[in-house]
N, C-alpha and C. Protein backbone atom coordinates (compact mmCIF):
# COMPACT_ATOMS: atom_id res chain seq x y z
N MET A 1 -27.14 -109.65 115.35
CA MET A 1 -26.39 -109.16 116.49
C MET A 1 -27.06 -107.89 116.99
N LYS A 2 -27.04 -107.69 118.29
CA LYS A 2 -27.57 -106.46 118.88
C LYS A 2 -26.43 -105.46 119.02
N CYS A 3 -26.77 -104.21 118.87
CA CYS A 3 -25.80 -103.13 119.05
C CYS A 3 -25.28 -103.17 120.49
N ARG A 4 -23.97 -102.93 120.65
CA ARG A 4 -23.39 -102.85 121.99
C ARG A 4 -23.58 -101.43 122.51
N GLU A 5 -24.45 -101.27 123.48
CA GLU A 5 -24.71 -99.93 124.03
C GLU A 5 -23.41 -99.34 124.55
N GLY A 6 -23.16 -98.09 124.17
CA GLY A 6 -21.96 -97.41 124.61
C GLY A 6 -20.75 -97.65 123.73
N CYS A 7 -20.92 -98.34 122.60
CA CYS A 7 -19.81 -98.60 121.69
C CYS A 7 -19.44 -97.31 120.94
N GLY A 8 -20.37 -96.79 120.17
CA GLY A 8 -20.17 -95.53 119.46
C GLY A 8 -19.28 -95.59 118.22
N ALA A 9 -18.76 -96.76 117.88
CA ALA A 9 -17.84 -96.85 116.73
C ALA A 9 -18.49 -96.38 115.44
N CYS A 10 -19.77 -96.66 115.26
CA CYS A 10 -20.45 -96.26 114.02
C CYS A 10 -20.67 -94.75 113.96
N CYS A 11 -20.44 -94.05 115.07
CA CYS A 11 -20.56 -92.59 115.11
C CYS A 11 -19.19 -91.92 115.03
N ILE A 12 -18.15 -92.72 114.90
CA ILE A 12 -16.79 -92.20 114.84
C ILE A 12 -16.08 -92.62 113.55
N ALA A 13 -16.03 -93.92 113.28
CA ALA A 13 -15.20 -94.44 112.19
C ALA A 13 -15.65 -94.03 110.78
N PRO A 14 -16.93 -94.17 110.43
CA PRO A 14 -17.30 -93.87 109.03
C PRO A 14 -17.51 -92.38 108.77
N SER A 15 -17.35 -92.01 107.51
CA SER A 15 -17.75 -90.66 107.10
C SER A 15 -19.26 -90.66 106.92
N ILE A 16 -19.87 -89.50 107.14
CA ILE A 16 -21.30 -89.33 106.92
C ILE A 16 -21.45 -88.07 106.09
N SER A 17 -21.96 -88.22 104.88
CA SER A 17 -22.04 -87.07 103.97
C SER A 17 -23.30 -86.24 104.17
N SER A 18 -24.32 -86.80 104.79
CA SER A 18 -25.56 -86.05 104.99
C SER A 18 -25.44 -85.15 106.22
N PRO A 19 -26.23 -84.07 106.25
CA PRO A 19 -26.19 -83.16 107.39
C PRO A 19 -26.59 -83.86 108.69
N ILE A 20 -25.94 -83.45 109.75
CA ILE A 20 -26.23 -83.90 111.11
C ILE A 20 -26.45 -82.63 111.91
N PRO A 21 -27.41 -82.57 112.82
CA PRO A 21 -27.54 -81.37 113.64
C PRO A 21 -26.21 -81.03 114.31
N GLY A 22 -25.74 -79.82 114.08
CA GLY A 22 -24.44 -79.40 114.60
C GLY A 22 -23.28 -79.68 113.66
N MET A 23 -23.54 -80.43 112.60
CA MET A 23 -22.53 -80.75 111.58
C MET A 23 -23.20 -80.68 110.22
N PRO A 24 -23.48 -79.47 109.74
CA PRO A 24 -24.27 -79.32 108.51
C PRO A 24 -23.64 -79.94 107.26
N ASN A 25 -22.34 -80.17 107.28
CA ASN A 25 -21.65 -80.78 106.14
C ASN A 25 -21.34 -82.25 106.37
N GLY A 26 -21.98 -82.84 107.37
CA GLY A 26 -21.68 -84.23 107.70
C GLY A 26 -20.39 -84.31 108.50
N LYS A 27 -19.74 -85.47 108.47
CA LYS A 27 -18.50 -85.64 109.22
C LYS A 27 -17.52 -86.51 108.45
N ALA A 28 -16.27 -86.28 108.71
CA ALA A 28 -15.21 -87.06 108.07
C ALA A 28 -15.02 -88.39 108.80
N ALA A 29 -14.46 -89.36 108.11
CA ALA A 29 -14.12 -90.64 108.73
C ALA A 29 -13.15 -90.39 109.88
N GLY A 30 -13.40 -91.04 111.00
CA GLY A 30 -12.54 -90.88 112.17
C GLY A 30 -12.90 -89.71 113.06
N GLU A 31 -13.80 -88.88 112.60
CA GLU A 31 -14.23 -87.72 113.38
C GLU A 31 -15.42 -88.12 114.24
N ARG A 32 -15.38 -87.75 115.50
CA ARG A 32 -16.47 -88.06 116.42
C ARG A 32 -17.67 -87.19 116.09
N CYS A 33 -18.84 -87.79 115.98
CA CYS A 33 -20.07 -87.04 115.73
C CYS A 33 -20.38 -86.18 116.95
N VAL A 34 -20.79 -84.94 116.72
CA VAL A 34 -21.12 -84.05 117.84
C VAL A 34 -22.35 -84.53 118.61
N GLN A 35 -23.13 -85.42 118.03
CA GLN A 35 -24.31 -85.94 118.69
C GLN A 35 -24.01 -87.18 119.55
N LEU A 36 -22.76 -87.59 119.59
CA LEU A 36 -22.36 -88.73 120.40
C LEU A 36 -22.01 -88.24 121.81
N SER A 37 -22.72 -88.75 122.80
CA SER A 37 -22.52 -88.30 124.18
C SER A 37 -21.21 -88.82 124.75
N VAL A 38 -20.85 -88.33 125.94
CA VAL A 38 -19.64 -88.81 126.60
C VAL A 38 -19.75 -90.29 126.95
N ASP A 39 -20.99 -90.79 127.02
CA ASP A 39 -21.23 -92.21 127.27
C ASP A 39 -21.32 -93.02 125.98
N ASN A 40 -20.97 -92.38 124.86
CA ASN A 40 -21.02 -93.00 123.53
C ASN A 40 -22.43 -93.45 123.15
N LEU A 41 -23.40 -92.60 123.44
CA LEU A 41 -24.78 -92.83 123.05
C LEU A 41 -25.21 -91.71 122.12
N CYS A 42 -26.02 -92.03 121.13
CA CYS A 42 -26.50 -91.03 120.18
C CYS A 42 -27.58 -90.17 120.83
N SER A 43 -27.35 -88.87 120.90
CA SER A 43 -28.31 -87.98 121.55
C SER A 43 -29.53 -87.70 120.67
N ILE A 44 -29.49 -88.09 119.40
CA ILE A 44 -30.66 -87.89 118.52
C ILE A 44 -31.24 -89.22 118.05
N PHE A 45 -30.90 -90.29 118.73
CA PHE A 45 -31.43 -91.61 118.38
C PHE A 45 -32.95 -91.58 118.42
N GLY A 46 -33.58 -92.05 117.35
CA GLY A 46 -35.03 -92.09 117.27
C GLY A 46 -35.69 -90.79 116.86
N ASN A 47 -34.90 -89.72 116.71
CA ASN A 47 -35.45 -88.42 116.30
C ASN A 47 -35.40 -88.28 114.78
N PRO A 48 -36.33 -87.52 114.21
CA PRO A 48 -36.35 -87.36 112.75
C PRO A 48 -35.12 -86.62 112.21
N GLU A 49 -34.40 -85.89 113.06
CA GLU A 49 -33.19 -85.18 112.62
C GLU A 49 -32.02 -86.13 112.39
N ARG A 50 -32.12 -87.32 112.91
CA ARG A 50 -31.03 -88.30 112.76
C ARG A 50 -30.92 -88.68 111.28
N PRO A 51 -29.70 -88.65 110.72
CA PRO A 51 -29.53 -88.99 109.30
C PRO A 51 -30.05 -90.39 108.98
N ALA A 52 -30.63 -90.53 107.80
CA ALA A 52 -31.18 -91.82 107.37
C ALA A 52 -30.11 -92.91 107.37
N VAL A 53 -28.89 -92.55 106.99
CA VAL A 53 -27.81 -93.55 106.96
C VAL A 53 -27.55 -94.10 108.36
N CYS A 54 -27.69 -93.26 109.37
CA CYS A 54 -27.51 -93.71 110.75
C CYS A 54 -28.65 -94.63 111.17
N SER A 55 -29.86 -94.22 110.85
CA SER A 55 -31.04 -95.03 111.20
C SER A 55 -31.02 -96.38 110.50
N ALA A 56 -30.47 -96.43 109.30
CA ALA A 56 -30.45 -97.67 108.52
C ALA A 56 -29.33 -98.63 108.94
N PHE A 57 -28.34 -98.13 109.67
CA PHE A 57 -27.21 -98.98 110.05
C PHE A 57 -27.68 -100.09 110.98
N GLU A 58 -27.24 -101.31 110.71
CA GLU A 58 -27.56 -102.45 111.56
C GLU A 58 -26.27 -103.10 112.02
N ALA A 59 -26.18 -103.31 113.32
CA ALA A 59 -24.99 -103.97 113.87
C ALA A 59 -24.85 -105.36 113.28
N ASP A 60 -23.62 -105.71 112.93
CA ASP A 60 -23.32 -107.02 112.37
C ASP A 60 -21.89 -107.37 112.77
N VAL A 61 -21.65 -108.60 113.10
CA VAL A 61 -20.32 -109.01 113.54
C VAL A 61 -19.24 -108.69 112.51
N GLU A 62 -19.59 -108.67 111.22
CA GLU A 62 -18.60 -108.37 110.18
C GLU A 62 -18.12 -106.93 110.22
N VAL A 63 -18.92 -106.03 110.74
CA VAL A 63 -18.50 -104.63 110.83
C VAL A 63 -18.29 -104.18 112.28
N CYS A 64 -18.85 -104.91 113.22
CA CYS A 64 -18.75 -104.51 114.63
C CYS A 64 -17.78 -105.36 115.43
N GLY A 65 -17.43 -106.53 114.91
CA GLY A 65 -16.49 -107.39 115.62
C GLY A 65 -17.01 -107.79 116.98
N SER A 66 -16.08 -107.98 117.91
CA SER A 66 -16.45 -108.44 119.25
C SER A 66 -16.20 -107.40 120.33
N SER A 67 -15.76 -106.19 119.93
CA SER A 67 -15.51 -105.12 120.91
C SER A 67 -15.59 -103.77 120.20
N SER A 68 -15.65 -102.73 120.99
CA SER A 68 -15.67 -101.37 120.42
C SER A 68 -14.39 -101.08 119.64
N ASP A 69 -13.25 -101.50 120.20
CA ASP A 69 -11.97 -101.28 119.51
C ASP A 69 -11.93 -102.00 118.17
N GLU A 70 -12.42 -103.23 118.16
CA GLU A 70 -12.45 -103.98 116.91
C GLU A 70 -13.41 -103.33 115.92
N ALA A 71 -14.53 -102.82 116.42
CA ALA A 71 -15.50 -102.15 115.55
C ALA A 71 -14.88 -100.92 114.89
N ILE A 72 -14.12 -100.14 115.64
CA ILE A 72 -13.45 -98.95 115.07
C ILE A 72 -12.53 -99.39 113.94
N LYS A 73 -11.76 -100.45 114.16
CA LYS A 73 -10.84 -100.94 113.13
C LYS A 73 -11.58 -101.46 111.90
N LEU A 74 -12.61 -102.28 112.13
CA LEU A 74 -13.35 -102.86 111.01
C LEU A 74 -14.11 -101.80 110.23
N LEU A 75 -14.78 -100.91 110.92
CA LEU A 75 -15.52 -99.84 110.23
C LEU A 75 -14.55 -98.92 109.48
N GLY A 76 -13.38 -98.68 110.06
CA GLY A 76 -12.36 -97.89 109.37
C GLY A 76 -11.89 -98.58 108.10
N TRP A 77 -11.70 -99.89 108.18
CA TRP A 77 -11.29 -100.66 107.00
C TRP A 77 -12.37 -100.59 105.94
N TRP A 78 -13.64 -100.80 106.31
CA TRP A 78 -14.74 -100.72 105.34
C TRP A 78 -14.81 -99.32 104.73
N GLU A 79 -14.58 -98.30 105.53
CA GLU A 79 -14.58 -96.92 105.03
C GLU A 79 -13.52 -96.76 103.94
N GLN A 80 -12.31 -97.26 104.20
CA GLN A 80 -11.24 -97.16 103.21
C GLN A 80 -11.55 -97.94 101.95
N MET A 81 -12.14 -99.11 102.10
CA MET A 81 -12.44 -99.96 100.95
C MET A 81 -13.56 -99.40 100.07
N THR A 82 -14.42 -98.59 100.65
CA THR A 82 -15.56 -98.07 99.89
C THR A 82 -15.45 -96.58 99.57
N ALA A 83 -14.35 -95.95 99.97
CA ALA A 83 -14.17 -94.51 99.70
C ALA A 83 -14.05 -94.27 98.20
N ALA A 84 -14.69 -93.22 97.75
CA ALA A 84 -14.66 -92.88 96.32
C ALA A 84 -13.42 -92.11 95.96
């Protein structure tokens, strides 16, 4: 599956423990990444400052569903199921 441009769910729903420019302690689940633009595009996409976990993420129907709203719900569920 190809990423839905302007979705942004993967930059909101999951927690990210590694540093992000502007968020040195990462981000909590459900918190919008400061690098996510108003158009829901990653402003550091393709840059070396982008966390490895973000670069490694691949869109998949099991985590992205068929819409941005569904992606938020599914990614939130996965976050809860894998939280330590």
